Amino acid sequence: MAKACANHPERPGTAECRQCREPVCASCAVVTAQGTWCSPECGVVHRALNAKVKEDPLMRRAGWAGKLIAIFSLLLLALLGVHGAASRGVKPAKAIDILGQLFEGLDMLKKKGTGR
């Protein structure tokens, strides 16, 4: 660590506070099972902020459902991108254009149903 200790400018920092990112020397570092801190107060602040995030009902509800929605959204965007490229004439995209194939199939079913 190249920076000097936040409390002792003449000493090199050997660790970084997990909360405020200040460099601290070995004599200033407060080492716990949760990490290294510049002071006990930073450890308390860090634990309090983490507890607040875990208590947030929106964060709790977003769990697996949020991940599922995110994955579905990314997949839909990728499919739309491939379909857009295929409709513009990009040959490799035409080979994997799932939406184009789906639309063609639906169009054929519609034509069968109307008798055209």
Protein backbone atom coordinates (compact mmCIF):
# COMPACT_ATOMS: atom_id res chain seq x y z
CA MET A 1 0.00 0.00 0.00
CA ALA A 2 1.63 3.21 -1.14
CA LYS A 3 -0.36 5.76 0.89
CA ALA A 4 0.56 6.90 4.37
CA CYS A 5 -1.49 6.10 7.45
CA ALA A 6 -4.40 8.51 7.98
CA ASN A 7 -3.41 8.98 11.65
CA HIS A 8 0.40 8.74 11.31
CA PRO A 9 1.62 10.40 8.08
CA GLU A 10 5.18 9.22 8.74
CA ARG A 11 4.12 5.54 8.66
CA PRO A 12 3.06 3.64 5.55
CA GLY A 13 -0.49 2.36 5.43
CA THR A 14 -0.57 -1.43 5.62
CA ALA A 15 -4.34 -1.87 5.42
CA GLU A 16 -7.42 -0.02 4.26
CA CYS A 17 -10.56 0.65 6.29
CA ARG A 18 -13.42 -1.40 4.90
CA GLN A 19 -15.88 1.45 5.45
CA CYS A 20 -14.14 4.74 4.66
CA ARG A 21 -11.22 3.35 2.59
CA GLU A 22 -8.63 5.33 4.58
CA PRO A 23 -5.17 3.75 4.75
CA VAL A 24 -4.06 2.78 8.27
CA CYS A 25 -0.81 1.46 9.72
CA ALA A 26 -0.57 -1.79 11.66
CA SER A 27 -0.86 -0.03 15.04
CA CYS A 28 -4.06 1.84 14.02
CA ALA A 29 -5.87 -1.04 12.29
CA VAL A 30 -8.82 -2.49 14.16
CA VAL A 31 -9.02 -6.07 12.86
CA THR A 32 -12.21 -8.06 13.38
CA ALA A 33 -13.75 -11.13 11.77
CA GLN A 34 -15.80 -8.79 9.56
CA GLY A 35 -12.79 -6.85 8.25
CA THR A 36 -10.22 -4.16 9.01
CA TRP A 37 -11.33 -0.72 10.22
CA CYS A 38 -9.61 2.58 10.96
CA SER A 39 -11.68 2.87 14.15
CA PRO A 40 -14.38 0.94 16.01
CA GLU A 41 -16.87 3.61 14.86
CA CYS A 42 -16.32 2.71 11.20
CA GLY A 43 -17.07 -0.92 12.02
CA VAL A 44 -20.33 0.09 13.71
CA VAL A 45 -21.32 2.34 10.77
CA HIS A 46 -20.58 -0.46 8.31
CA ARG A 47 -22.70 -2.98 10.21
CA ALA A 48 -25.55 -0.47 10.58
CA LEU A 49 -25.58 0.31 6.86
CA ASN A 50 -25.55 -3.38 5.95
CA ALA A 51 -28.43 -4.05 8.37
CA LYS A 52 -30.44 -1.20 6.80
CA VAL A 53 -30.01 -2.67 3.32
CA LYS A 54 -31.15 -6.10 4.55
CA GLU A 55 -34.21 -4.54 6.24
CA ASP A 56 -35.32 -2.66 3.12
CA PRO A 57 -38.52 -4.44 1.96
CA LEU A 58 -37.91 -3.58 -1.69
CA MET A 59 -34.46 -5.20 -1.55
CA ARG A 60 -35.92 -8.26 0.16
CA ARG A 61 -38.71 -8.68 -2.41
CA ALA A 62 -36.37 -8.23 -5.36
CA GLY A 63 -34.60 -11.52 -4.52
CA TRP A 64 -35.21 -14.34 -7.00
CA ALA A 65 -38.10 -12.58 -8.74
CA GLY A 66 -35.92 -9.56 -9.54
CA LYS A 67 -33.20 -11.81 -10.92
CA LEU A 68 -35.73 -13.69 -13.03
CA ILE A 69 -37.14 -10.44 -14.45
CA ALA A 70 -33.64 -9.16 -15.17
CA ILE A 71 -32.68 -12.36 -17.00
CA PHE A 72 -35.92 -12.32 -19.01
CA SER A 73 -35.40 -8.66 -19.93
CA LEU A 74 -31.84 -9.26 -21.09
CA LEU A 75 -32.91 -12.28 -23.13
CA LEU A 76 -35.71 -10.28 -24.75
CA LEU A 77 -33.31 -7.45 -25.59
CA ALA A 78 -30.87 -9.92 -27.14
CA LEU A 79 -33.65 -11.52 -29.22
CA LEU A 80 -34.86 -8.11 -30.38
CA GLY A 81 -31.31 -7.14 -31.33
CA VAL A 82 -30.83 -10.30 -33.38
CA HIS A 83 -34.23 -9.83 -35.04
CA GLY A 84 -33.39 -6.21 -35.87
CA ALA A 85 -30.08 -7.25 -37.42
CA ALA A 86 -31.75 -10.05 -39.39
CA SER A 87 -34.41 -7.71 -40.74
CA ARG A 88 -31.62 -5.40 -41.96
CA GLY A 89 -30.06 -8.24 -43.94
CA VAL A 90 -27.24 -9.49 -41.69
CA LYS A 91 -26.86 -13.12 -42.82
CA PRO A 92 -25.46 -14.63 -39.57
CA ALA A 93 -28.32 -13.05 -37.63
CA LYS A 94 -30.90 -14.57 -40.00
CA ALA A 95 -29.72 -18.06 -39.06
CA ILE A 96 -30.48 -17.50 -35.35
CA ASP A 97 -33.46 -15.14 -35.61
CA ILE A 98 -35.89 -16.92 -33.30
CA LEU A 99 -38.38 -14.03 -33.27
CA GLY A 100 -38.43 -13.93 -37.10
CA GLN A 101 -39.17 -17.65 -37.22
CA LEU A 102 -41.90 -17.24 -34.61
CA PHE A 103 -43.49 -14.36 -36.53
CA GLU A 104 -43.36 -16.35 -39.79
CA GLY A 105 -45.01 -19.32 -38.08
CA LEU A 106 -47.76 -17.13 -36.64
CA ASP A 107 -48.28 -15.52 -40.04
CA MET A 108 -48.64 -18.94 -41.66
CA LEU A 109 -51.18 -20.00 -39.01
CA LYS A 110 -53.13 -16.81 -39.57
CA LYS A 111 -53.21 -17.43 -43.33
CA LYS A 112 -54.37 -21.03 -42.78
CA GLY A 113 -57.14 -19.84 -40.47
CA THR A 114 -58.45 -17.28 -42.98
CA GLY A 115 -58.17 -19.68 -45.93
CA ARG A 116 -55.85 -17.56 -48.07
